[in-house]
């Protein structure tokens, strides 16, 4: 009887738990998905799992936190700077700034650990002109 319970438990793990392991647990808010250009002319493509700053900078998304408006990512090992480090990107929506609908701040882009990235001081979303470590948020418009 004990062996049957173990076999059934193993089947449960294979069917329901294992497919979830390794999958991203969080989704991006709809307004950040797609292709964009910032107010510096840099182009981006953003999905639930990848923040791609064209043409050569990739951030692999670990977690989207929609409540606190940040993204935790791991820098691609082939990025030209800070490869393999961790990045936290803070973001916010804009009103009356069309065509710019939202903006972001690379709050920290060179953290050695996820924990260090998560503990970085948040961007000041109430001050989009200087709230990104003294600089403005990068404003994004759809392509």
N, C-alpha and C. Protein backbone atom coordinates (compact mmCIF):
# COMPACT_ATOMS: atom_id res chain seq x y z
N UNK A 1 0.82 -1.20 0.00
CA UNK A 1 0.00 0.00 0.00
C UNK A 1 0.86 1.27 0.00
N UNK A 2 1.94 1.24 0.79
CA UNK A 2 2.85 2.38 0.87
C UNK A 2 3.47 2.67 -0.50
N UNK A 3 3.86 1.59 -1.22
CA UNK A 3 4.46 1.77 -2.55
C UNK A 3 3.47 2.38 -3.52
N UNK A 4 2.21 2.00 -3.44
CA UNK A 4 1.18 2.55 -4.31
C UNK A 4 1.02 4.05 -4.06
N UNK A 5 1.05 4.45 -2.78
CA UNK A 5 0.96 5.86 -2.45
C UNK A 5 2.14 6.64 -3.03
N UNK A 6 3.33 6.08 -2.93
CA UNK A 6 4.52 6.74 -3.49
C UNK A 6 4.43 6.85 -5.01
N UNK A 7 3.96 5.81 -5.66
CA UNK A 7 3.80 5.84 -7.12
C UNK A 7 2.78 6.90 -7.52
N UNK A 8 1.65 6.94 -6.82
CA UNK A 8 0.63 7.95 -7.12
C UNK A 8 1.15 9.36 -6.88
N UNK A 9 1.90 9.55 -5.80
CA UNK A 9 2.49 10.86 -5.52
C UNK A 9 3.48 11.25 -6.62
N UNK A 10 4.28 10.31 -7.07
CA UNK A 10 5.22 10.57 -8.16
C UNK A 10 4.50 10.97 -9.44
N UNK A 11 3.40 10.29 -9.74
CA UNK A 11 2.61 10.64 -10.93
C UNK A 11 2.04 12.05 -10.81
N UNK A 12 1.56 12.39 -9.61
CA UNK A 12 1.05 13.73 -9.37
C UNK A 12 2.13 14.78 -9.66
N UNK A 13 3.33 14.55 -9.15
CA UNK A 13 4.43 15.48 -9.38
C UNK A 13 4.73 15.63 -10.87
N UNK A 14 4.80 14.52 -11.57
CA UNK A 14 5.11 14.56 -13.01
C UNK A 14 4.03 15.27 -13.81
N UNK A 15 2.79 15.07 -13.45
CA UNK A 15 1.69 15.64 -14.22
C UNK A 15 1.42 17.11 -13.91
N UNK A 16 1.55 17.48 -12.64
CA UNK A 16 1.10 18.81 -12.25
C UNK A 16 2.19 19.76 -11.76
N UNK A 17 3.22 19.27 -11.14
CA UNK A 17 4.23 20.14 -10.57
C UNK A 17 5.38 20.37 -11.54
N UNK A 18 5.91 19.34 -12.12
CA UNK A 18 7.09 19.47 -13.00
C UNK A 18 6.87 20.39 -14.18
N UNK A 19 5.69 20.37 -14.85
CA UNK A 19 5.53 21.31 -15.96
C UNK A 19 5.60 22.77 -15.56
N UNK A 20 5.34 23.06 -14.29
CA UNK A 20 5.35 24.45 -13.82
C UNK A 20 6.76 24.92 -13.49
N UNK A 21 7.63 24.01 -13.07
CA UNK A 21 8.99 24.37 -12.69
C UNK A 21 9.71 24.95 -13.91
N UNK A 22 10.34 26.09 -13.71
CA UNK A 22 11.09 26.72 -14.79
C UNK A 22 10.26 27.69 -15.61
N UNK A 23 8.93 27.67 -15.44
CA UNK A 23 8.11 28.61 -16.17
C UNK A 23 8.02 29.91 -15.40
N UNK A 24 7.87 30.99 -16.13
CA UNK A 24 7.72 32.28 -15.50
C UNK A 24 6.38 32.32 -14.77
N UNK A 25 6.38 32.84 -13.56
CA UNK A 25 5.19 32.84 -12.73
C UNK A 25 4.37 34.11 -12.89
N UNK A 26 4.93 35.14 -13.49
CA UNK A 26 4.24 36.42 -13.55
C UNK A 26 4.17 36.91 -14.99
N UNK A 27 3.23 37.77 -15.22
CA UNK A 27 3.01 38.33 -16.57
C UNK A 27 3.24 39.83 -16.55
N UNK A 28 3.60 40.34 -17.71
CA UNK A 28 3.77 41.78 -17.87
C UNK A 28 2.41 42.45 -18.01
N UNK A 29 2.30 43.71 -17.58
CA UNK A 29 1.06 44.44 -17.87
C UNK A 29 0.96 44.67 -19.37
N UNK A 30 -0.24 44.65 -19.88
CA UNK A 30 -0.46 44.74 -21.32
C UNK A 30 0.17 45.95 -21.99
N UNK A 31 0.23 47.08 -21.30
CA UNK A 31 0.72 48.30 -21.95
C UNK A 31 2.22 48.27 -22.24
N UNK A 32 2.98 47.34 -21.65
CA UNK A 32 4.42 47.27 -21.93
C UNK A 32 4.78 46.22 -22.97
N UNK A 33 3.81 45.45 -23.41
CA UNK A 33 4.08 44.38 -24.38
C UNK A 33 4.11 44.93 -25.80
N UNK A 34 5.13 44.55 -26.56
CA UNK A 34 5.21 44.96 -27.96
C UNK A 34 6.53 45.62 -28.28
N UNK A 35 6.49 46.44 -29.33
CA UNK A 35 7.69 47.15 -29.79
C UNK A 35 7.51 48.64 -29.53
N UNK A 36 8.58 49.25 -29.05
CA UNK A 36 8.55 50.64 -28.63
C UNK A 36 9.82 51.36 -29.04
N UNK A 37 9.74 52.69 -28.98
CA UNK A 37 10.93 53.53 -29.14
C UNK A 37 10.90 54.54 -28.01
N UNK A 38 12.07 54.74 -27.37
CA UNK A 38 12.10 55.72 -26.29
C UNK A 38 12.40 57.11 -26.85
N UNK A 39 12.40 58.09 -25.97
CA UNK A 39 12.59 59.47 -26.42
C UNK A 39 14.04 59.77 -26.78
N UNK A 40 14.92 58.76 -26.72
CA UNK A 40 16.30 58.89 -27.19
C UNK A 40 16.50 58.20 -28.53
N UNK A 41 15.41 57.61 -29.07
CA UNK A 41 15.47 56.93 -30.36
C UNK A 41 15.85 55.46 -30.28
N UNK A 42 16.01 54.91 -29.08
CA UNK A 42 16.37 53.50 -28.91
C UNK A 42 15.10 52.66 -29.03
N UNK A 43 15.20 51.53 -29.74
CA UNK A 43 14.05 50.66 -29.95
C UNK A 43 14.12 49.44 -29.04
N UNK A 44 12.94 48.97 -28.64
CA UNK A 44 12.80 47.85 -27.71
C UNK A 44 11.70 46.92 -28.19
N UNK A 45 11.84 45.66 -27.85
CA UNK A 45 10.76 44.70 -27.97
C UNK A 45 10.65 44.02 -26.61
N UNK A 46 9.44 44.02 -26.06
CA UNK A 46 9.23 43.52 -24.70
C UNK A 46 8.14 42.46 -24.70
N UNK A 47 8.44 41.36 -24.02
CA UNK A 47 7.46 40.27 -23.85
C UNK A 47 7.42 39.90 -22.37
N UNK A 48 6.63 38.90 -22.04
CA UNK A 48 6.59 38.43 -20.66
C UNK A 48 7.94 37.91 -20.19
N UNK A 49 8.75 37.41 -21.13
CA UNK A 49 9.99 36.74 -20.74
C UNK A 49 11.28 37.43 -21.19
N UNK A 50 11.18 38.47 -22.03
CA UNK A 50 12.39 39.11 -22.55
C UNK A 50 12.19 40.61 -22.74
N UNK A 51 13.16 41.38 -22.26
CA UNK A 51 13.24 42.83 -22.49
C UNK A 51 14.42 43.00 -23.42
N UNK A 52 14.16 43.33 -24.69
CA UNK A 52 15.20 43.39 -25.71
C UNK A 52 15.40 44.84 -26.13
N UNK A 53 16.56 45.38 -25.77
CA UNK A 53 16.95 46.73 -26.18
C UNK A 53 17.78 46.53 -27.43
N UNK A 54 17.20 46.86 -28.55
CA UNK A 54 17.85 46.55 -29.82
C UNK A 54 19.11 47.37 -30.03
N UNK A 55 20.07 46.83 -30.56
CA UNK A 55 20.21 45.58 -31.27
C UNK A 55 20.95 44.51 -30.49
N UNK A 56 21.45 44.80 -29.32
CA UNK A 56 22.30 43.77 -28.71
C UNK A 56 22.18 43.60 -27.20
N UNK A 57 21.20 44.21 -26.56
CA UNK A 57 21.10 44.11 -25.11
C UNK A 57 19.81 43.37 -24.74
N UNK A 58 19.98 42.26 -24.03
CA UNK A 58 18.83 41.45 -23.64
C UNK A 58 18.80 41.26 -22.13
N UNK A 59 17.60 41.34 -21.60
CA UNK A 59 17.35 41.08 -20.19
C UNK A 59 16.31 39.96 -20.12
N UNK A 60 16.66 38.86 -19.49
CA UNK A 60 15.76 37.72 -19.37
C UNK A 60 14.92 37.89 -18.11
N UNK A 61 13.63 38.05 -18.31
CA UNK A 61 12.72 38.37 -17.21
C UNK A 61 12.59 37.20 -16.24
N UNK A 62 12.78 37.50 -14.98
CA UNK A 62 12.58 36.53 -13.90
C UNK A 62 11.21 36.76 -13.27
N UNK A 63 10.88 38.04 -13.07
CA UNK A 63 9.61 38.35 -12.41
C UNK A 63 9.10 39.72 -12.80
N UNK A 64 7.80 39.80 -13.04
CA UNK A 64 7.10 41.08 -13.19
C UNK A 64 6.33 41.30 -11.91
N UNK A 65 6.46 42.47 -11.30
CA UNK A 65 5.67 42.82 -10.13
C UNK A 65 4.79 44.00 -10.53
N UNK A 66 3.56 43.69 -10.93
CA UNK A 66 2.66 44.75 -11.40
C UNK A 66 2.22 45.67 -10.26
N UNK A 67 2.07 45.13 -9.07
CA UNK A 67 1.62 45.96 -7.94
C UNK A 67 2.64 47.06 -7.64
N UNK A 68 3.91 46.70 -7.54
CA UNK A 68 4.96 47.68 -7.23
C UNK A 68 5.64 48.24 -8.47
N UNK A 69 5.24 47.79 -9.64
CA UNK A 69 5.70 48.28 -10.94
C UNK A 69 7.20 48.16 -11.15
N UNK A 70 7.69 46.94 -11.05
CA UNK A 70 9.09 46.68 -11.39
C UNK A 70 9.22 45.32 -12.06
N UNK A 71 10.36 45.17 -12.72
CA UNK A 71 10.73 43.94 -13.42
C UNK A 71 12.09 43.51 -12.89
N UNK A 72 12.22 42.24 -12.56
CA UNK A 72 13.51 41.68 -12.19
C UNK A 72 13.99 40.84 -13.36
N UNK A 73 15.24 41.05 -13.77
CA UNK A 73 15.76 40.34 -14.94
C UNK A 73 17.21 39.95 -14.73
N UNK A 74 17.63 38.98 -15.51
CA UNK A 74 19.05 38.58 -15.54
C UNK A 74 19.61 39.05 -16.88
N UNK A 75 20.73 39.75 -16.81
CA UNK A 75 21.37 40.24 -18.03
C UNK A 75 21.89 39.07 -18.85
N UNK A 76 21.71 39.16 -20.15
CA UNK A 76 22.18 38.11 -21.05
C UNK A 76 23.71 38.00 -20.95
N UNK A 77 24.24 36.78 -21.03
CA UNK A 77 25.70 36.61 -20.95
C UNK A 77 26.46 37.26 -22.10
N UNK A 78 25.76 37.60 -23.19
CA UNK A 78 26.41 38.23 -24.34
C UNK A 78 26.21 39.75 -24.39
N UNK A 79 25.59 40.32 -23.36
CA UNK A 79 25.42 41.77 -23.33
C UNK A 79 26.78 42.46 -23.34
N UNK A 80 26.88 43.62 -24.02
CA UNK A 80 28.17 44.32 -24.08
C UNK A 80 28.64 44.86 -22.73
N UNK A 81 27.73 45.09 -21.79
CA UNK A 81 28.15 45.51 -20.45
C UNK A 81 27.33 44.76 -19.41
N UNK A 82 27.94 44.52 -18.28
CA UNK A 82 27.33 43.85 -17.13
C UNK A 82 26.70 42.49 -17.47
N UNK A 83 27.38 41.66 -18.29
CA UNK A 83 26.81 40.35 -18.63
C UNK A 83 26.65 39.46 -17.39
N UNK A 84 25.52 38.75 -17.35
CA UNK A 84 25.27 37.82 -16.27
C UNK A 84 24.85 38.44 -14.94
N UNK A 85 24.81 39.76 -14.87
CA UNK A 85 24.39 40.44 -13.64
C UNK A 85 22.85 40.47 -13.58
N UNK A 86 22.31 41.11 -12.54
CA UNK A 86 20.87 41.24 -12.38
C UNK A 86 20.47 42.70 -12.51
N UNK A 87 19.28 42.91 -13.07
CA UNK A 87 18.75 44.25 -13.31
C UNK A 87 17.35 44.35 -12.75
N UNK A 88 17.06 45.50 -12.15
CA UNK A 88 15.67 45.81 -11.81
C UNK A 88 15.27 47.05 -12.58
N UNK A 89 14.14 46.94 -13.25
CA UNK A 89 13.61 48.03 -14.06
C UNK A 89 12.31 48.48 -13.40
N UNK A 90 12.25 49.75 -13.00
CA UNK A 90 11.02 50.32 -12.47
C UNK A 90 10.29 51.00 -13.62
N UNK A 91 8.98 50.95 -13.61
CA UNK A 91 8.21 51.56 -14.70
C UNK A 91 6.98 52.26 -14.16
N UNK A 92 6.37 53.07 -15.02
CA UNK A 92 5.12 53.77 -14.68
C UNK A 92 4.41 54.21 -15.95
N UNK A 93 3.11 54.35 -15.88
CA UNK A 93 2.34 54.87 -17.00
C UNK A 93 2.33 56.39 -16.93
N UNK A 94 2.09 57.02 -18.11
CA UNK A 94 1.99 58.46 -18.19
C UNK A 94 0.61 58.87 -18.66
N UNK A 95 0.20 60.04 -18.26
CA UNK A 95 -1.03 60.65 -18.75
C UNK A 95 -0.68 61.96 -19.41
N UNK A 96 -1.34 62.25 -20.51
CA UNK A 96 -1.18 63.52 -21.22
C UNK A 96 0.25 63.75 -21.69
N UNK A 97 0.93 62.68 -22.11
CA UNK A 97 2.28 62.78 -22.68
C UNK A 97 2.34 62.10 -24.04
N UNK A 98 1.20 61.96 -24.68
CA UNK A 98 1.17 61.27 -25.95
C UNK A 98 2.19 61.88 -26.91
N UNK A 99 2.89 61.07 -27.68
CA UNK A 99 2.67 59.65 -27.92
C UNK A 99 3.33 58.74 -26.88
N UNK A 100 3.96 59.32 -25.86
CA UNK A 100 4.62 58.51 -24.84
C UNK A 100 3.59 58.04 -23.82
N UNK A 101 3.44 56.72 -23.70
CA UNK A 101 2.39 56.15 -22.87
C UNK A 101 2.90 55.68 -21.50
N UNK A 102 4.18 55.38 -21.42
CA UNK A 102 4.77 54.88 -20.18
C UNK A 102 6.26 55.12 -20.21
N UNK A 103 6.90 54.94 -19.07
CA UNK A 103 8.35 55.13 -19.00
C UNK A 103 8.97 54.14 -18.04
N UNK A 104 10.30 54.04 -18.12
CA UNK A 104 11.01 53.11 -17.25
C UNK A 104 12.32 53.71 -16.79
N UNK A 105 12.87 53.05 -15.76
CA UNK A 105 14.15 53.43 -15.19
C UNK A 105 14.94 52.17 -14.90
N UNK A 106 16.18 52.09 -15.38
CA UNK A 106 17.06 51.00 -14.97
C UNK A 106 17.52 51.35 -13.56
N UNK A 107 16.77 50.92 -12.58
CA UNK A 107 17.04 51.25 -11.19
C UNK A 107 18.41 50.72 -10.75
N UNK A 108 18.68 49.49 -11.11
CA UNK A 108 20.01 48.90 -10.91
C UNK A 108 20.21 47.91 -12.05
N UNK A 109 21.39 47.89 -12.63
CA UNK A 109 21.65 47.04 -13.80
C UNK A 109 22.89 46.17 -13.63
N UNK A 110 23.50 46.24 -12.45
CA UNK A 110 24.77 45.52 -12.25
C UNK A 110 24.83 44.79 -10.91
N UNK A 111 23.66 44.34 -10.44
CA UNK A 111 23.62 43.65 -9.14
C UNK A 111 24.21 42.25 -9.27
N UNK A 112 24.99 41.86 -8.28
CA UNK A 112 25.58 40.52 -8.28
C UNK A 112 24.56 39.43 -7.96
N UNK A 113 23.48 39.81 -7.25
CA UNK A 113 22.47 38.83 -6.86
C UNK A 113 21.07 39.40 -7.11
N UNK A 114 20.10 38.49 -7.19
CA UNK A 114 18.70 38.91 -7.30
C UNK A 114 18.31 39.74 -6.08
N UNK A 115 18.76 39.31 -4.92
CA UNK A 115 18.40 39.99 -3.68
C UNK A 115 18.89 41.44 -3.68
N UNK A 116 20.10 41.66 -4.16
CA UNK A 116 20.64 43.03 -4.22
C UNK A 116 19.81 43.87 -5.19
N UNK A 117 19.42 43.29 -6.30
CA UNK A 117 18.61 44.03 -7.27
C UNK A 117 17.26 44.40 -6.67
N UNK A 118 16.66 43.47 -5.94
CA UNK A 118 15.35 43.73 -5.35
C UNK A 118 15.41 44.76 -4.23
N UNK A 119 16.55 44.87 -3.55
CA UNK A 119 16.68 45.81 -2.43
C UNK A 119 17.11 47.21 -2.87
N UNK A 120 17.37 47.40 -4.15
CA UNK A 120 17.79 48.72 -4.63
C UNK A 120 16.69 49.74 -4.36
N UNK A 121 17.09 50.97 -4.08
CA UNK A 121 16.13 52.04 -3.81
C UNK A 121 15.29 52.26 -5.07
N UNK A 122 13.99 52.27 -4.90
CA UNK A 122 13.06 52.42 -6.02
C UNK A 122 13.20 53.79 -6.68
N UNK A 123 12.88 53.82 -7.95
CA UNK A 123 12.81 55.09 -8.66
C UNK A 123 11.66 55.91 -8.09
N UNK A 124 11.77 57.23 -8.20
CA UNK A 124 10.72 58.13 -7.73
C UNK A 124 9.72 58.35 -8.87
N UNK A 125 8.68 57.54 -8.87
CA UNK A 125 7.69 57.61 -9.94
C UNK A 125 6.91 58.92 -9.95
N UNK A 126 6.84 59.59 -8.82
CA UNK A 126 6.14 60.87 -8.74
C UNK A 126 6.93 62.00 -9.40
N UNK A 127 8.19 61.75 -9.71
CA UNK A 127 9.05 62.77 -10.30
C UNK A 127 9.69 62.20 -11.58
N UNK A 128 8.90 62.04 -12.65
CA UNK A 128 9.44 61.39 -13.85
C UNK A 128 10.57 62.15 -14.53
N UNK A 129 10.77 63.42 -14.22
CA UNK A 129 11.85 64.18 -14.85
C UNK A 129 13.20 63.99 -14.17
N UNK A 130 13.21 63.56 -12.89
CA UNK A 130 14.47 63.37 -12.17
C UNK A 130 14.46 62.15 -11.26
N UNK A 131 13.40 61.36 -11.32
CA UNK A 131 13.23 60.27 -10.38
C UNK A 131 14.01 59.01 -10.67
N UNK A 132 14.77 59.01 -11.74
CA UNK A 132 15.57 57.84 -12.12
C UNK A 132 17.03 58.14 -11.79
N UNK A 133 17.35 58.06 -10.50
CA UNK A 133 18.71 58.35 -10.04
C UNK A 133 19.19 59.73 -10.49
N UNK A 134 18.28 60.71 -10.46
CA UNK A 134 18.61 62.08 -10.86
C UNK A 134 18.35 62.37 -12.33
N UNK A 135 17.98 61.37 -13.08
CA UNK A 135 17.71 61.51 -14.52
C UNK A 135 16.23 61.26 -14.79
N UNK A 136 15.76 61.63 -15.98
CA UNK A 136 14.36 61.35 -16.30
C UNK A 136 14.13 59.88 -16.64
N UNK A 137 12.89 59.43 -16.42
CA UNK A 137 12.48 58.13 -16.91
C UNK A 137 12.60 58.14 -18.44
N UNK A 138 12.97 57.03 -19.03
CA UNK A 138 12.95 56.90 -20.49
C UNK A 138 11.50 56.71 -20.89
N UNK A 139 10.99 57.63 -21.71
CA UNK A 139 9.59 57.57 -22.12
C UNK A 139 9.44 56.69 -23.36
N UNK A 140 8.37 55.89 -23.36
CA UNK A 140 8.18 54.90 -24.42
C UNK A 140 6.92 55.18 -25.23
N UNK A 141 7.10 55.09 -26.56
CA UNK A 141 5.95 55.20 -27.46
C UNK A 141 5.91 53.96 -28.35
N UNK A 142 4.72 53.51 -28.71
CA UNK A 142 4.62 52.31 -29.54
C UNK A 142 5.18 52.54 -30.93
N UNK A 143 5.73 51.49 -31.51
CA UNK A 143 6.19 51.55 -32.91
C UNK A 143 5.09 51.05 -33.83
